[in-house]
């Protein structure tokens, strides 16, 4: 059973090439994200954006516009630091922004919290004008997954599984489930002939 198929066995140079390409992609993505005038993180449910601003600013010096589909943060009279259409819609009542003092380096930052409307989807960027990240490479921390309720968690795990299977050319969880159901049915009904059964 364990005889290796040379056709499908990735050679070590293939793996090295893939790893190198992945490192280069990640380095490019990190560099693009590092050049943005803000930092952002996300969970499957929300997005947090932090924007460093001079420590002398007060809330009234800022021009912040937050709608279901747009975000703008600017210091009054200056070019916006971030402005554009959000990657996806947000639940406006759950979104907020605050001006916070930071300890290192001493200064302030605008913290914007966005609650995603669709809470089973990763965002490739905050605003559509910014460079994208490759969402297929996101692996949520397992502690975050355990925060989700059972149904959402199962859906996220299925999405992640399907994404990995797609990359490896394997069956998706739905296809796997059909095959497993057929196998189980065959086991329960050995008298039936499944040799010509079509699956799909």
N, C-alpha and C. Protein backbone atom coordinates (compact mmCIF):
# COMPACT_ATOMS: atom_id res chain seq x y z
N UNK A 1 0.84 -1.20 0.00
CA UNK A 1 0.00 0.00 0.00
C UNK A 1 0.88 1.26 0.00
N UNK A 2 2.04 1.15 0.65
CA UNK A 2 2.84 2.37 0.82
C UNK A 2 3.87 2.55 -0.29
N UNK A 3 3.68 1.86 -1.42
CA UNK A 3 4.67 2.06 -2.50
C UNK A 3 4.54 3.47 -3.03
N UNK A 4 5.64 4.19 -3.08
CA UNK A 4 5.61 5.60 -3.49
C UNK A 4 5.41 5.69 -4.99
N UNK A 5 4.56 6.58 -5.40
CA UNK A 5 4.34 6.82 -6.82
C UNK A 5 5.29 7.92 -7.27
N UNK A 6 6.28 7.58 -8.08
CA UNK A 6 7.28 8.60 -8.44
C UNK A 6 6.67 9.79 -9.18
N UNK A 7 5.55 9.53 -9.89
CA UNK A 7 4.89 10.61 -10.62
C UNK A 7 4.43 11.71 -9.67
N UNK A 8 3.87 11.28 -8.54
CA UNK A 8 3.23 12.24 -7.64
C UNK A 8 4.08 12.57 -6.42
N UNK A 9 5.24 11.99 -6.34
CA UNK A 9 6.08 12.25 -5.18
C UNK A 9 6.85 13.55 -5.41
N UNK A 10 6.57 14.60 -4.62
CA UNK A 10 7.31 15.85 -4.86
C UNK A 10 8.80 15.63 -4.53
N UNK A 11 9.66 16.02 -5.44
CA UNK A 11 11.09 15.88 -5.17
C UNK A 11 11.51 16.95 -4.18
N UNK A 12 12.65 16.72 -3.55
CA UNK A 12 13.08 17.69 -2.54
C UNK A 12 13.35 19.05 -3.17
N UNK A 13 13.78 19.06 -4.46
CA UNK A 13 14.03 20.37 -5.10
C UNK A 13 12.71 21.10 -5.35
N UNK A 14 11.64 20.34 -5.68
CA UNK A 14 10.31 20.96 -5.83
C UNK A 14 9.89 21.61 -4.52
N UNK A 15 10.06 20.86 -3.45
CA UNK A 15 9.67 21.36 -2.13
C UNK A 15 10.49 22.60 -1.79
N UNK A 16 11.79 22.55 -2.05
CA UNK A 16 12.67 23.70 -1.76
C UNK A 16 12.25 24.91 -2.59
N UNK A 17 11.93 24.67 -3.87
CA UNK A 17 11.48 25.77 -4.74
C UNK A 17 10.20 26.38 -4.20
N UNK A 18 9.28 25.49 -3.80
CA UNK A 18 8.00 25.98 -3.28
C UNK A 18 8.22 26.79 -2.01
N UNK A 19 9.09 26.27 -1.13
CA UNK A 19 9.36 26.98 0.13
C UNK A 19 10.02 28.33 -0.14
N UNK A 20 10.94 28.34 -1.10
CA UNK A 20 11.61 29.60 -1.43
C UNK A 20 10.60 30.61 -2.00
N UNK A 21 9.76 30.12 -2.91
CA UNK A 21 8.74 31.01 -3.51
C UNK A 21 7.81 31.54 -2.43
N UNK A 22 7.46 30.67 -1.49
CA UNK A 22 6.57 31.07 -0.39
C UNK A 22 7.24 32.10 0.50
N UNK A 23 8.55 31.90 0.78
CA UNK A 23 9.31 32.87 1.59
C UNK A 23 9.35 34.23 0.90
N UNK A 24 9.60 34.18 -0.43
CA UNK A 24 9.67 35.44 -1.20
C UNK A 24 8.32 36.14 -1.20
N UNK A 25 7.24 35.35 -1.39
CA UNK A 25 5.90 35.94 -1.40
C UNK A 25 5.61 36.59 -0.05
N UNK A 26 5.96 35.87 1.03
CA UNK A 26 5.70 36.36 2.39
C UNK A 26 6.52 37.62 2.65
N UNK A 27 7.79 37.62 2.21
CA UNK A 27 8.65 38.79 2.43
C UNK A 27 8.09 40.00 1.70
N UNK A 28 7.63 39.79 0.46
CA UNK A 28 7.06 40.88 -0.34
C UNK A 28 5.79 41.40 0.34
N UNK A 29 4.95 40.46 0.78
CA UNK A 29 3.70 40.83 1.45
C UNK A 29 4.01 41.62 2.73
N UNK A 30 4.97 41.11 3.53
CA UNK A 30 5.34 41.80 4.78
C UNK A 30 5.85 43.20 4.50
N UNK A 31 6.68 43.33 3.42
CA UNK A 31 7.24 44.64 3.07
C UNK A 31 6.13 45.61 2.67
N UNK A 32 5.18 45.10 1.87
CA UNK A 32 4.05 45.95 1.45
C UNK A 32 3.23 46.41 2.65
N UNK A 33 2.97 45.46 3.56
CA UNK A 33 2.16 45.80 4.74
C UNK A 33 2.92 46.76 5.67
N UNK A 34 4.25 46.57 5.75
CA UNK A 34 5.06 47.43 6.63
C UNK A 34 5.08 48.88 6.14
N UNK A 35 4.88 49.06 4.82
CA UNK A 35 4.91 50.43 4.27
C UNK A 35 3.60 51.18 4.50
N UNK A 36 2.57 50.46 4.88
CA UNK A 36 1.29 51.13 5.12
C UNK A 36 1.43 52.03 6.35
N UNK A 37 0.74 53.19 6.36
CA UNK A 37 0.85 54.12 7.50
C UNK A 37 0.00 53.67 8.69
N UNK A 38 -0.39 52.40 8.71
CA UNK A 38 -1.18 51.86 9.82
C UNK A 38 -0.87 50.37 9.92
N UNK A 39 -1.26 49.78 11.04
CA UNK A 39 -1.12 48.34 11.21
C UNK A 39 -2.51 47.76 11.37
N UNK A 40 -2.69 46.52 10.93
CA UNK A 40 -4.01 45.93 11.11
C UNK A 40 -3.89 44.44 11.39
N UNK A 41 -4.85 43.97 12.19
CA UNK A 41 -4.93 42.55 12.50
C UNK A 41 -6.38 42.14 12.35
N UNK A 42 -6.62 40.85 12.21
CA UNK A 42 -8.00 40.40 12.10
C UNK A 42 -8.18 39.04 12.73
N UNK A 43 -9.41 38.80 13.17
CA UNK A 43 -9.85 37.45 13.50
C UNK A 43 -10.93 37.16 12.46
N UNK A 44 -11.51 35.99 12.52
CA UNK A 44 -12.55 35.66 11.53
C UNK A 44 -13.76 36.58 11.70
N UNK A 45 -13.88 37.22 12.89
CA UNK A 45 -15.07 38.05 13.17
C UNK A 45 -14.85 39.55 13.06
N UNK A 46 -13.60 40.01 13.30
CA UNK A 46 -13.40 41.46 13.32
C UNK A 46 -12.02 41.87 12.82
N UNK A 47 -11.87 43.17 12.62
CA UNK A 47 -10.61 43.76 12.13
C UNK A 47 -10.26 44.91 13.07
N UNK A 48 -8.99 44.98 13.46
CA UNK A 48 -8.53 46.11 14.27
C UNK A 48 -7.42 46.84 13.52
N UNK A 49 -7.58 48.15 13.42
CA UNK A 49 -6.60 48.98 12.72
C UNK A 49 -6.01 49.96 13.73
N UNK A 50 -4.68 50.09 13.77
CA UNK A 50 -4.07 51.11 14.63
C UNK A 50 -3.24 52.04 13.75
N UNK A 51 -3.45 53.34 13.98
CA UNK A 51 -2.82 54.36 13.15
C UNK A 51 -2.05 55.31 14.06
N UNK A 52 -0.70 55.28 14.01
CA UNK A 52 0.06 56.19 14.87
C UNK A 52 -0.13 57.64 14.44
N UNK A 53 -0.31 58.54 15.42
CA UNK A 53 -0.46 59.98 15.14
C UNK A 53 0.36 60.75 16.18
N UNK A 54 0.66 62.03 15.91
CA UNK A 54 1.45 62.80 16.87
C UNK A 54 0.77 62.85 18.25
N UNK A 55 1.59 62.81 19.30
CA UNK A 55 1.08 62.78 20.67
C UNK A 55 0.35 64.04 21.09
N UNK A 56 0.50 65.12 20.30
CA UNK A 56 -0.14 66.40 20.67
C UNK A 56 -1.61 66.45 20.25
N UNK A 57 -2.03 65.49 19.45
CA UNK A 57 -3.39 65.56 18.89
C UNK A 57 -4.46 65.26 19.93
N UNK A 58 -5.63 65.87 19.69
CA UNK A 58 -6.82 65.53 20.47
C UNK A 58 -7.85 64.97 19.49
N UNK A 59 -8.90 64.40 20.07
CA UNK A 59 -9.96 63.82 19.23
C UNK A 59 -10.52 64.82 18.23
N UNK A 60 -10.65 66.08 18.66
CA UNK A 60 -11.26 67.08 17.77
C UNK A 60 -10.35 67.46 16.59
N UNK A 61 -9.06 67.08 16.67
CA UNK A 61 -8.14 67.36 15.56
C UNK A 61 -8.26 66.33 14.44
N UNK A 62 -9.06 65.30 14.69
CA UNK A 62 -9.15 64.20 13.73
C UNK A 62 -10.42 64.29 12.90
N UNK A 63 -10.33 63.78 11.69
CA UNK A 63 -11.48 63.67 10.81
C UNK A 63 -11.65 62.17 10.52
N UNK A 64 -12.57 61.55 11.26
CA UNK A 64 -12.79 60.10 11.10
C UNK A 64 -14.18 59.87 10.55
N UNK A 65 -14.26 59.15 9.44
CA UNK A 65 -15.54 58.79 8.85
C UNK A 65 -15.61 57.28 8.79
N UNK A 66 -16.65 56.72 9.40
CA UNK A 66 -16.79 55.27 9.42
C UNK A 66 -18.22 54.94 9.02
N UNK A 67 -18.39 54.29 7.89
CA UNK A 67 -19.73 53.84 7.47
C UNK A 67 -19.68 52.34 7.28
N UNK A 68 -20.80 51.78 6.80
CA UNK A 68 -20.88 50.32 6.63
C UNK A 68 -19.87 49.82 5.61
N UNK A 69 -19.49 50.70 4.66
CA UNK A 69 -18.62 50.24 3.57
C UNK A 69 -17.37 51.10 3.37
N UNK A 70 -17.21 52.17 4.17
CA UNK A 70 -16.07 53.08 3.95
C UNK A 70 -15.38 53.42 5.26
N UNK A 71 -14.10 53.78 5.14
CA UNK A 71 -13.34 54.23 6.31
C UNK A 71 -12.42 55.35 5.87
N UNK A 72 -12.39 56.40 6.70
CA UNK A 72 -11.44 57.49 6.47
C UNK A 72 -10.93 57.96 7.82
N UNK A 73 -9.60 58.04 7.94
CA UNK A 73 -9.00 58.63 9.14
C UNK A 73 -8.00 59.66 8.66
N UNK A 74 -8.18 60.90 9.10
CA UNK A 74 -7.27 61.98 8.69
C UNK A 74 -7.07 62.94 9.85
N UNK A 75 -5.94 63.63 9.81
CA UNK A 75 -5.76 64.76 10.72
C UNK A 75 -6.34 65.94 9.96
N UNK A 76 -7.20 66.71 10.60
CA UNK A 76 -7.90 67.80 9.88
C UNK A 76 -6.91 68.66 9.12
N UNK A 77 -7.27 68.95 7.87
CA UNK A 77 -6.43 69.82 7.04
C UNK A 77 -5.29 69.08 6.35
N UNK A 78 -5.16 67.76 6.59
CA UNK A 78 -4.09 66.99 5.94
C UNK A 78 -4.68 65.88 5.08
N UNK A 79 -3.81 65.30 4.23
CA UNK A 79 -4.22 64.15 3.42
C UNK A 79 -4.64 63.01 4.35
N UNK A 80 -5.68 62.25 4.00
CA UNK A 80 -6.09 61.13 4.86
C UNK A 80 -4.96 60.11 5.04
N UNK A 81 -4.86 59.53 6.24
CA UNK A 81 -3.87 58.48 6.50
C UNK A 81 -4.39 57.17 5.90
N UNK A 82 -5.67 56.95 6.05
CA UNK A 82 -6.31 55.80 5.41
C UNK A 82 -7.68 56.26 4.93
N UNK A 83 -8.00 55.91 3.69
CA UNK A 83 -9.31 56.30 3.15
C UNK A 83 -9.64 55.35 2.02
N UNK A 84 -10.89 54.89 1.99
CA UNK A 84 -11.30 54.05 0.87
C UNK A 84 -12.48 53.16 1.23
N UNK A 85 -12.83 52.34 0.25
CA UNK A 85 -13.91 51.36 0.46
C UNK A 85 -13.36 50.21 1.28
N UNK A 86 -14.11 49.79 2.28
CA UNK A 86 -13.69 48.64 3.07
C UNK A 86 -13.73 47.38 2.21
N UNK A 87 -12.89 46.41 2.56
CA UNK A 87 -12.84 45.16 1.79
C UNK A 87 -14.20 44.48 1.77
N UNK A 88 -14.92 44.52 2.90
CA UNK A 88 -16.26 43.96 3.01
C UNK A 88 -17.09 44.86 3.92
N UNK A 89 -18.39 44.63 3.94
CA UNK A 89 -19.27 45.44 4.80
C UNK A 89 -19.05 45.11 6.28
N UNK A 90 -19.35 46.10 7.13
CA UNK A 90 -19.22 45.90 8.58
C UNK A 90 -20.57 46.18 9.26
N UNK A 91 -20.68 45.71 10.50
CA UNK A 91 -21.88 45.99 11.31
C UNK A 91 -21.60 47.31 12.02
N UNK A 92 -22.15 48.39 11.49
CA UNK A 92 -21.77 49.74 11.95
C UNK A 92 -21.99 49.95 13.45
N UNK A 93 -23.09 49.41 13.98
CA UNK A 93 -23.37 49.60 15.42
C UNK A 93 -22.31 48.99 16.31
N UNK A 94 -21.57 48.01 15.80
CA UNK A 94 -20.55 47.33 16.60
C UNK A 94 -19.15 47.91 16.38
N UNK A 95 -19.03 48.86 15.45
CA UNK A 95 -17.72 49.43 15.13
C UNK A 95 -17.44 50.67 16.00
N UNK A 96 -16.17 50.95 16.20
CA UNK A 96 -15.84 52.12 17.03
C UNK A 96 -14.43 52.61 16.70
N UNK A 97 -14.13 53.81 17.14
CA UNK A 97 -12.75 54.29 17.05
C UNK A 97 -12.42 55.10 18.30
N UNK A 98 -11.18 55.03 18.73
CA UNK A 98 -10.76 55.78 19.91
C UNK A 98 -9.36 56.35 19.65
N UNK A 99 -9.04 57.40 20.37
CA UNK A 99 -7.69 57.97 20.32
C UNK A 99 -7.01 57.55 21.62
N UNK A 100 -5.93 56.78 21.50
CA UNK A 100 -5.29 56.23 22.69
C UNK A 100 -3.85 56.70 22.81
N UNK A 101 -3.38 56.82 24.04
CA UNK A 101 -1.98 57.18 24.27
C UNK A 101 -1.14 55.91 24.29
N UNK A 102 -0.01 55.94 23.58
CA UNK A 102 0.87 54.76 23.56
C UNK A 102 2.08 55.04 24.43
N UNK A 103 2.61 53.99 25.02
CA UNK A 103 3.75 54.19 25.92
C UNK A 103 5.09 54.12 25.17
N UNK A 104 5.18 53.30 24.12
CA UNK A 104 6.46 53.20 23.41
C UNK A 104 6.24 53.23 21.91
N UNK A 105 6.75 54.18 21.15
CA UNK A 105 7.31 55.42 21.71
C UNK A 105 6.15 56.27 22.20
N UNK A 106 6.43 57.22 23.14
CA UNK A 106 5.30 58.02 23.63
C UNK A 106 4.65 58.77 22.48
N UNK A 107 3.38 58.62 22.37
CA UNK A 107 2.64 59.28 21.29
C UNK A 107 1.19 58.84 21.41
N UNK A 108 0.46 58.92 20.31
CA UNK A 108 -0.94 58.50 20.34
C UNK A 108 -1.21 57.65 19.10
N UNK A 109 -2.30 56.91 19.17
CA UNK A 109 -2.72 56.17 17.99
C UNK A 109 -4.24 56.16 17.93
N UNK A 110 -4.73 56.12 16.73
CA UNK A 110 -6.17 55.98 16.52
C UNK A 110 -6.42 54.48 16.39
N UNK A 111 -7.27 53.95 17.25
CA UNK A 111 -7.60 52.53 17.20
C UNK A 111 -9.01 52.39 16.63
N UNK A 112 -9.10 51.70 15.49
CA UNK A 112 -10.41 51.50 14.84
C UNK A 112 -10.77 50.03 14.95
N UNK A 113 -11.96 49.76 15.47
CA UNK A 113 -12.43 48.38 15.60
C UNK A 113 -13.60 48.18 14.64
N UNK A 114 -13.49 47.18 13.77
CA UNK A 114 -14.53 46.90 12.78
C UNK A 114 -15.09 45.50 13.01
N UNK A 115 -16.39 45.39 13.12
CA UNK A 115 -17.02 44.07 13.23
C UNK A 115 -17.50 43.63 11.84
N UNK A 116 -17.00 42.50 11.38
CA UNK A 116 -17.35 42.06 10.03
C UNK A 116 -18.82 41.66 9.96
N UNK A 117 -19.43 42.01 8.82
CA UNK A 117 -20.81 41.59 8.57
C UNK A 117 -20.82 40.07 8.34
N UNK A 118 -19.90 39.61 7.48
CA UNK A 118 -19.78 38.18 7.21
C UNK A 118 -18.67 37.64 8.12
N UNK A 119 -19.03 36.87 9.13
CA UNK A 119 -18.05 36.50 10.14
C UNK A 119 -17.41 35.14 9.89
N UNK A 120 -17.39 34.73 8.62
CA UNK A 120 -16.66 33.49 8.29
C UNK A 120 -15.75 33.75 7.10
N UNK A 121 -15.20 34.96 7.05
CA UNK A 121 -14.41 35.33 5.88
C UNK A 121 -13.21 36.16 6.29
N UNK A 122 -12.06 35.84 5.70
CA UNK A 122 -10.86 36.66 5.95
C UNK A 122 -10.82 37.82 4.97
N UNK A 123 -10.34 38.95 5.43
CA UNK A 123 -10.21 40.12 4.56
C UNK A 123 -8.80 40.14 3.95
N UNK A 124 -8.69 40.37 2.63
CA UNK A 124 -7.35 40.47 2.04
C UNK A 124 -6.67 41.81 2.34
N UNK A 125 -7.46 42.83 2.68
CA UNK A 125 -6.94 44.15 3.06
C UNK A 125 -8.05 44.91 3.77
N UNK A 126 -7.70 46.04 4.40
CA UNK A 126 -8.73 46.81 5.11
C UNK A 126 -9.53 47.61 4.09
N UNK A 127 -8.81 48.42 3.29
CA UNK A 127 -9.47 49.19 2.23
C UNK A 127 -8.99 48.64 0.89
N UNK A 128 -9.86 48.71 -0.11
CA UNK A 128 -9.58 48.03 -1.38
C UNK A 128 -8.39 48.63 -2.13
N UNK A 129 -7.98 49.86 -1.76
CA UNK A 129 -6.84 50.48 -2.45
C UNK A 129 -5.49 49.97 -1.92
N UNK A 130 -5.51 49.25 -0.78
CA UNK A 130 -4.25 48.80 -0.16
C UNK A 130 -3.81 47.46 -0.75
N UNK A 131 -2.50 47.14 -0.65
CA UNK A 131 -2.05 45.84 -1.15
C UNK A 131 -2.73 44.70 -0.40
N UNK A 132 -2.95 43.60 -1.13
CA UNK A 132 -3.65 42.46 -0.52
C UNK A 132 -2.68 41.53 0.19
N UNK A 133 -3.22 40.78 1.14
CA UNK A 133 -2.46 39.66 1.70
C UNK A 133 -3.12 38.39 1.15
N UNK A 134 -2.39 37.30 1.17
CA UNK A 134 -2.91 36.03 0.67
C UNK A 134 -3.70 35.36 1.79
N UNK A 135 -5.03 35.46 1.70
CA UNK A 135 -5.86 34.95 2.80
C UNK A 135 -5.81 33.43 2.91
N UNK A 136 -5.40 32.74 1.83
CA UNK A 136 -5.36 31.27 1.91
C UNK A 136 -4.24 30.81 2.83
N UNK A 137 -3.30 31.73 3.15
CA UNK A 137 -2.18 31.34 4.02
C UNK A 137 -2.45 31.64 5.50
N UNK A 138 -3.64 32.19 5.79
CA UNK A 138 -3.93 32.52 7.19
C UNK A 138 -4.26 31.24 7.94
N UNK A 139 -3.60 31.04 9.07
CA UNK A 139 -3.97 29.93 9.94
C UNK A 139 -4.33 30.53 11.29
N UNK A 140 -5.62 30.56 11.61
CA UNK A 140 -6.02 31.19 12.86
C UNK A 140 -5.46 30.42 14.05
N UNK A 141 -5.14 31.16 15.09
CA UNK A 141 -4.64 30.52 16.30
C UNK A 141 -5.74 29.61 16.83
N UNK A 142 -5.35 28.43 17.30
CA UNK A 142 -6.38 27.49 17.75
C UNK A 142 -7.18 28.06 18.92
N UNK A 143 -6.55 28.91 19.74
CA UNK A 143 -7.29 29.50 20.86
C UNK A 143 -8.42 30.36 20.33
N UNK A 144 -8.16 31.06 19.22
CA UNK A 144 -9.21 31.89 18.63
C UNK A 144 -10.34 31.00 18.09
N UNK A 145 -9.95 29.87 17.48
CA UNK A 145 -10.97 28.96 16.95
C UNK A 145 -11.88 28.47 18.06
N UNK A 146 -11.29 28.22 19.23
CA UNK A 146 -12.10 27.68 20.32
C UNK A 146 -13.07 28.73 20.87
N UNK A 147 -12.84 30.01 20.56
CA UNK A 147 -13.78 31.06 20.98
C UNK A 147 -15.07 31.01 20.18
N UNK A 148 -15.01 30.42 18.99
CA UNK A 148 -16.18 30.43 18.11
C UNK A 148 -17.20 29.41 18.60
N UNK A 149 -18.49 29.68 18.27
CA UNK A 149 -19.48 28.68 18.64
C UNK A 149 -19.32 27.48 17.70
N UNK A 150 -19.88 26.37 18.09
CA UNK A 150 -19.66 25.10 17.38
C UNK A 150 -19.87 25.17 15.89
N UNK A 151 -20.99 25.78 15.48
CA UNK A 151 -21.35 25.79 14.05
C UNK A 151 -20.34 26.62 13.26
N UNK A 152 -20.02 27.82 13.77
CA UNK A 152 -19.08 28.70 13.07
C UNK A 152 -17.71 28.04 13.00
N UNK A 153 -17.31 27.45 14.13
CA UNK A 153 -16.01 26.81 14.18
C UNK A 153 -15.91 25.68 13.15
N UNK A 154 -16.96 24.87 13.07
CA UNK A 154 -16.96 23.76 12.12
C UNK A 154 -16.84 24.30 10.70
N UNK A 155 -17.54 25.42 10.42
CA UNK A 155 -17.50 26.01 9.09
C UNK A 155 -16.09 26.54 8.77
N UNK A 156 -15.46 27.19 9.74
CA UNK A 156 -14.10 27.73 9.54
C UNK A 156 -13.12 26.59 9.33
N UNK A 157 -13.25 25.54 10.16
CA UNK A 157 -12.33 24.41 10.01
C UNK A 157 -12.51 23.75 8.65
N UNK A 158 -13.76 23.66 8.19
CA UNK A 158 -14.04 23.08 6.87
C UNK A 158 -13.41 23.94 5.77
N UNK A 159 -13.56 25.28 5.91
CA UNK A 159 -12.96 26.19 4.91
C UNK A 159 -11.45 25.97 4.84
N UNK A 160 -10.82 25.89 6.02
CA UNK A 160 -9.37 25.74 6.07
C UNK A 160 -8.96 24.39 5.48
N UNK A 161 -9.73 23.34 5.79
CA UNK A 161 -9.44 22.00 5.27
C UNK A 161 -9.56 22.00 3.75
N UNK A 162 -10.68 22.56 3.25
CA UNK A 162 -10.90 22.59 1.80
C UNK A 162 -9.80 23.36 1.09
N UNK A 163 -9.37 24.48 1.71
CA UNK A 163 -8.31 25.29 1.11
C UNK A 163 -7.02 24.47 1.00
N UNK A 164 -6.68 23.77 2.09
CA UNK A 164 -5.45 22.95 2.08
C UNK A 164 -5.55 21.83 1.06
N UNK A 165 -6.74 21.18 1.01
CA UNK A 165 -6.92 20.07 0.07
C UNK A 165 -6.82 20.56 -1.37
N UNK A 166 -7.39 21.76 -1.62
CA UNK A 166 -7.35 22.33 -2.97
C UNK A 166 -5.91 22.56 -3.39
N UNK A 167 -5.11 23.10 -2.45
CA UNK A 167 -3.70 23.37 -2.76
C UNK A 167 -2.95 22.07 -3.07
N UNK A 168 -3.35 20.98 -2.40
CA UNK A 168 -2.64 19.72 -2.60
C UNK A 168 -3.31 18.86 -3.67
N UNK A 169 -4.40 19.36 -4.25
CA UNK A 169 -5.09 18.61 -5.30
C UNK A 169 -5.93 17.46 -4.76
N UNK A 170 -6.25 17.47 -3.45
CA UNK A 170 -7.05 16.40 -2.85
C UNK A 170 -8.53 16.72 -2.89
N UNK A 171 -9.36 15.76 -2.44
CA UNK A 171 -10.81 16.02 -2.45
C UNK A 171 -11.21 17.01 -1.37
N UNK A 172 -12.24 17.81 -1.64
CA UNK A 172 -12.74 18.73 -0.61
C UNK A 172 -13.48 17.91 0.44
N UNK A 173 -13.85 18.56 1.55
CA UNK A 173 -14.51 17.81 2.62
C UNK A 173 -15.86 17.26 2.15
N UNK A 174 -16.55 17.99 1.24
CA UNK A 174 -17.84 17.49 0.74
C UNK A 174 -17.63 16.22 -0.09
N UNK A 175 -16.62 16.27 -0.98
CA UNK A 175 -16.34 15.09 -1.82
C UNK A 175 -15.91 13.91 -0.94
N UNK A 176 -15.09 14.22 0.07
CA UNK A 176 -14.62 13.18 0.99
C UNK A 176 -15.81 12.57 1.73
N UNK A 177 -16.76 13.43 2.12
CA UNK A 177 -17.92 12.95 2.87
C UNK A 177 -18.76 12.01 2.00
N UNK A 178 -18.93 12.40 0.70
CA UNK A 178 -19.68 11.53 -0.22
C UNK A 178 -19.00 10.17 -0.34
N UNK A 179 -17.66 10.20 -0.47
CA UNK A 179 -16.92 8.94 -0.61
C UNK A 179 -17.06 8.10 0.66
N UNK A 180 -16.96 8.78 1.82
CA UNK A 180 -17.08 8.05 3.09
C UNK A 180 -18.48 7.45 3.25
N UNK A 181 -19.51 8.22 2.83
CA UNK A 181 -20.88 7.72 2.93
C UNK A 181 -21.06 6.50 2.04
N UNK A 182 -20.49 6.57 0.84
CA UNK A 182 -20.60 5.45 -0.10
C UNK A 182 -19.91 4.22 0.48
N UNK A 183 -18.70 4.44 1.05
CA UNK A 183 -17.95 3.31 1.65
C UNK A 183 -18.77 2.68 2.78
N UNK A 184 -19.37 3.54 3.62
CA UNK A 184 -20.15 3.05 4.76
C UNK A 184 -21.36 2.25 4.25
N UNK A 185 -22.00 2.81 3.22
CA UNK A 185 -23.18 2.15 2.65
C UNK A 185 -22.77 0.79 2.06
N UNK A 186 -21.60 0.78 1.36
CA UNK A 186 -21.11 -0.47 0.79
C UNK A 186 -20.86 -1.50 1.88
N UNK A 187 -20.28 -1.04 2.98
CA UNK A 187 -19.97 -1.95 4.08
C UNK A 187 -21.25 -2.53 4.68
N UNK A 188 -22.30 -1.68 4.72
CA UNK A 188 -23.57 -2.13 5.30
C UNK A 188 -24.36 -3.03 4.34
N UNK A 189 -24.04 -2.93 3.04
CA UNK A 189 -24.80 -3.70 2.04
C UNK A 189 -23.84 -4.48 1.14
N UNK A 190 -23.14 -5.47 1.72
CA UNK A 190 -22.13 -6.18 0.93
C UNK A 190 -22.75 -6.97 -0.24
N UNK A 191 -24.07 -7.19 -0.15
CA UNK A 191 -24.69 -8.00 -1.21
C UNK A 191 -24.87 -7.20 -2.50
N UNK A 192 -24.76 -5.84 -2.44
CA UNK A 192 -24.99 -5.02 -3.63
C UNK A 192 -23.69 -4.83 -4.40
N UNK A 193 -23.83 -4.72 -5.71
CA UNK A 193 -22.64 -4.55 -6.56
C UNK A 193 -22.44 -3.07 -6.86
N UNK A 194 -21.32 -2.53 -6.38
CA UNK A 194 -21.04 -1.09 -6.57
C UNK A 194 -19.97 -0.85 -7.62
N UNK A 195 -19.62 -1.91 -8.37
CA UNK A 195 -18.44 -1.76 -9.25
C UNK A 195 -18.65 -0.68 -10.32
N UNK A 196 -19.92 -0.44 -10.71
CA UNK A 196 -20.15 0.59 -11.74
C UNK A 196 -20.73 1.87 -11.16
N UNK A 197 -20.68 2.02 -9.84
CA UNK A 197 -21.29 3.21 -9.21
C UNK A 197 -20.53 4.46 -9.63
N UNK A 198 -21.30 5.47 -10.00
CA UNK A 198 -20.69 6.77 -10.34
C UNK A 198 -20.84 7.66 -9.12
N UNK A 199 -19.76 8.33 -8.78
CA UNK A 199 -19.86 9.24 -7.63
C UNK A 199 -19.62 10.65 -8.12
N UNK A 200 -20.37 11.60 -7.57
CA UNK A 200 -20.13 12.99 -7.99
C UNK A 200 -21.42 13.75 -7.98
